[in-house]
Amino acid sequence: MAAMMPGIGPVLGAVIVAEIGDIRRFGRPEQLCSWAGLTPRHRESDVKVSRGHVTKQGSRMLRWAVCEAIQRQPAGTRPRQVKDAIIARRGAGARNTAKVAAARELLTLSSTACATGTSAAPPPRDRPHDLDRARGRARGRATYCPPPGTGSRRPGSAGARVIDPARPAA
């Protein structure tokens, strides 16, 4: 099934399927991504949360295969959109970070395709703001903006302003 995904050839598809094995042992695609070592390290103490690099625990061959498959993703596919959005937001220096994030998206799509028996990825999203909506950033929501020359102030503190997209800033 993974070989039928856009951008994945027969060799990488065979490697992905062989490394995953029985897909039913993973309840959700997130569990497969965690098993492959494509999730960020997470440390937490009371209210302080720290996220680090990917854990790199699990199958090294699977991580390699999905990262290689990202290199040949056609334009317009969901993993390619994720990669391009991260590079546009963070700059060319974040290419490797973008590849790993797109590899995680590709592994999620591959997991869903294997579990449901479908042969293709979901249709690509046409508008770039759909990526922000999928990541939890609603378009048109009020955004915090500190007053000029006052430094950084937290929302809700004295002197903080909230910019409403419906009204122009005065």
Protein backbone atom coordinates (compact mmCIF):
# COMPACT_ATOMS: atom_id res chain seq x y z
CA MET A 1 0.00 0.00 0.00
CA ALA A 2 2.84 2.43 0.77
CA ALA A 3 4.23 1.94 -2.74
CA MET A 4 1.01 3.39 -4.15
CA MET A 5 1.45 6.69 -2.31
CA PRO A 6 2.67 9.60 -4.44
CA GLY A 7 6.46 9.90 -4.38
CA ILE A 8 7.11 6.44 -2.93
CA GLY A 9 8.59 3.93 -5.35
CA PRO A 10 8.54 0.14 -5.12
CA VAL A 11 11.83 -0.16 -3.21
CA LEU A 12 11.07 2.42 -0.51
CA GLY A 13 7.50 1.12 -0.31
CA ALA A 14 8.80 -2.39 0.33
CA VAL A 15 11.19 -1.12 3.00
CA ILE A 16 8.42 0.83 4.74
CA VAL A 17 5.99 -2.10 4.70
CA ALA A 18 8.67 -4.58 5.83
CA GLU A 19 9.81 -2.37 8.71
CA ILE A 20 6.29 -1.62 9.94
CA GLY A 21 5.18 -5.23 9.78
CA ASP A 22 1.63 -5.74 11.03
CA ILE A 23 0.02 -2.31 11.05
CA ARG A 24 -2.71 -3.48 13.45
CA ARG A 25 -0.29 -3.42 16.38
CA PHE A 26 -0.46 0.40 16.28
CA GLY A 27 -3.78 1.81 17.39
CA ARG A 28 -3.21 5.25 15.91
CA PRO A 29 -0.79 6.79 13.39
CA GLU A 30 0.77 8.81 16.23
CA GLN A 31 1.88 5.56 17.88
CA LEU A 32 3.62 4.49 14.68
CA CYS A 33 5.41 7.84 14.45
CA SER A 34 6.53 7.50 18.05
CA TRP A 35 7.74 3.94 17.43
CA ALA A 36 9.71 5.16 14.41
CA GLY A 37 11.39 7.87 16.49
CA LEU A 38 9.92 10.81 14.56
CA THR A 39 8.32 12.52 17.56
CA PRO A 40 9.98 15.30 19.60
CA ARG A 41 11.51 14.51 22.97
CA HIS A 42 9.17 15.73 25.72
CA ARG A 43 10.30 16.66 29.22
CA GLU A 44 7.90 18.11 31.75
CA SER A 45 8.14 19.35 35.32
CA ASP A 46 5.13 20.97 36.96
CA VAL A 47 4.12 23.69 34.47
CA LYS A 48 7.43 23.84 32.58
CA VAL A 49 7.39 21.87 29.31
CA SER A 50 10.48 21.36 27.17
CA ARG A 51 10.40 19.82 23.71
CA GLY A 52 13.62 18.79 22.06
CA HIS A 53 14.91 16.98 19.00
CA VAL A 54 13.32 13.81 17.64
CA THR A 55 13.89 10.81 19.87
CA LYS A 56 15.47 8.57 17.20
CA GLN A 57 14.24 5.52 19.07
CA GLY A 58 12.87 2.70 17.00
CA SER A 59 13.59 1.62 13.48
CA ARG A 60 16.50 3.48 11.90
CA MET A 61 15.69 1.92 8.52
CA LEU A 62 12.09 3.19 8.63
CA ARG A 63 13.24 6.72 9.50
CA TRP A 64 15.71 6.61 6.61
CA ALA A 65 13.08 5.33 4.15
CA VAL A 66 10.47 7.98 4.92
CA CYS A 67 13.08 10.77 4.92
CA GLU A 68 14.30 9.58 1.50
CA ALA A 69 10.72 9.40 0.22
CA ILE A 70 10.25 13.06 1.19
CA GLN A 71 13.00 14.05 -1.26
CA ARG A 72 10.81 13.04 -4.22
CA GLN A 73 7.38 14.20 -3.11
CA PRO A 74 5.47 15.86 -5.97
CA ALA A 75 4.29 19.43 -5.51
CA GLY A 76 0.81 19.71 -4.05
CA THR A 77 0.93 16.64 -1.82
CA ARG A 78 0.32 17.10 1.90
CA PRO A 79 3.88 16.17 3.03
CA ARG A 80 5.34 18.56 0.45
CA GLN A 81 3.05 21.35 1.68
CA VAL A 82 4.20 20.75 5.26
CA LYS A 83 7.86 20.88 4.19
CA ASP A 84 7.41 24.02 2.08
CA ALA A 85 5.46 25.82 4.82
CA ILE A 86 8.18 25.20 7.42
CA ILE A 87 10.93 26.34 5.04
CA ALA A 88 8.91 29.47 4.18
CA ARG A 89 8.30 30.25 7.86
CA ARG A 90 11.75 29.43 9.31
CA GLY A 91 14.08 29.98 6.34
CA ALA A 92 16.41 27.79 4.31
CA GLY A 93 18.41 26.80 7.40
CA ALA A 94 15.48 24.70 8.61
CA ARG A 95 15.48 22.30 5.62
CA ASN A 96 16.37 19.25 7.70
CA THR A 97 13.77 20.11 10.34
CA ALA A 98 11.22 20.47 7.56
CA LYS A 99 12.22 17.09 6.08
CA VAL A 100 11.71 15.32 9.40
CA ALA A 101 8.33 17.02 9.97
CA ALA A 102 7.23 16.09 6.46
CA ALA A 103 8.50 12.53 7.02
CA ARG A 104 6.27 12.28 10.07
CA GLU A 105 3.31 13.50 7.99
CA LEU A 106 4.13 10.97 5.26
CA LEU A 107 4.36 8.14 7.80
CA THR A 108 0.98 9.18 9.21
CA LEU A 109 -0.54 9.11 5.72
CA SER A 110 1.12 5.75 4.97
CA SER A 111 -0.22 4.31 8.22
CA THR A 112 -3.72 5.46 7.41
CA ALA A 113 -3.45 4.10 3.86
CA CYS A 114 -2.26 0.69 5.09
CA ALA A 115 -4.91 0.46 7.81
CA THR A 116 -7.85 1.51 5.62
CA GLY A 117 -6.70 -0.16 2.41
CA THR A 118 -6.85 3.03 0.34
CA SER A 119 -4.27 3.54 -2.37
CA ALA A 120 -3.68 7.29 -2.39
CA ALA A 121 -3.12 10.18 -0.06
CA PRO A 122 -6.01 12.55 0.63
CA PRO A 123 -6.40 15.34 -1.94
CA PRO A 124 -4.03 18.28 -1.40
CA ARG A 125 -5.34 21.41 0.17
CA ASP A 126 -5.57 24.34 -2.20
CA ARG A 127 -5.19 27.28 0.13
CA PRO A 128 -2.08 27.94 2.25
CA HIS A 129 -4.13 29.04 5.26
CA ASP A 130 -5.55 25.51 5.50
CA LEU A 131 -2.15 24.42 6.84
CA ASP A 132 -2.45 26.95 9.66
CA ARG A 133 -5.98 25.78 10.42
CA ALA A 134 -4.80 22.17 10.57
CA ARG A 135 -2.06 23.13 13.02
CA GLY A 136 -4.58 24.78 15.35
CA ARG A 137 -4.04 28.44 14.44
CA ALA A 138 -7.46 29.73 13.47
CA ARG A 139 -7.45 32.37 10.79
CA GLY A 140 -8.90 35.70 11.84
CA ARG A 141 -8.43 35.19 15.58
CA ALA A 142 -7.32 38.21 17.59
CA THR A 143 -3.53 38.31 17.95
CA TYR A 144 -1.46 39.86 20.71
CA CYS A 145 0.68 42.80 19.61
CA PRO A 146 2.82 44.79 22.09
CA PRO A 147 2.71 48.58 21.80
CA PRO A 148 5.70 49.99 19.91
CA GLY A 149 8.65 51.00 22.08
CA THR A 150 7.39 49.26 25.23
CA GLY A 151 9.17 45.98 24.82
CA SER A 152 7.45 42.68 25.24
CA ARG A 153 4.39 42.62 27.47
CA ARG A 154 2.31 39.58 28.16
CA PRO A 155 -1.35 39.49 27.08
CA GLY A 156 -3.64 40.64 29.85
CA SER A 157 -1.02 42.86 31.50
CA ALA A 158 -1.33 46.63 31.82
CA GLY A 159 -0.63 48.34 28.52
CA ALA A 160 -1.07 45.24 26.35
CA ARG A 161 -3.22 45.65 23.26
CA VAL A 162 -5.13 43.08 21.29
CA ILE A 163 -5.35 43.60 17.55
CA ASP A 164 -8.67 42.52 16.11
CA PRO A 165 -8.44 41.56 12.40
CA ALA A 166 -11.90 43.01 11.79
CA ARG A 167 -10.82 46.50 12.92
CA PRO A 168 -7.72 48.35 11.70
CA ALA A 169 -5.14 49.23 14.33
CA ALA A 170 -5.24 52.88 15.36
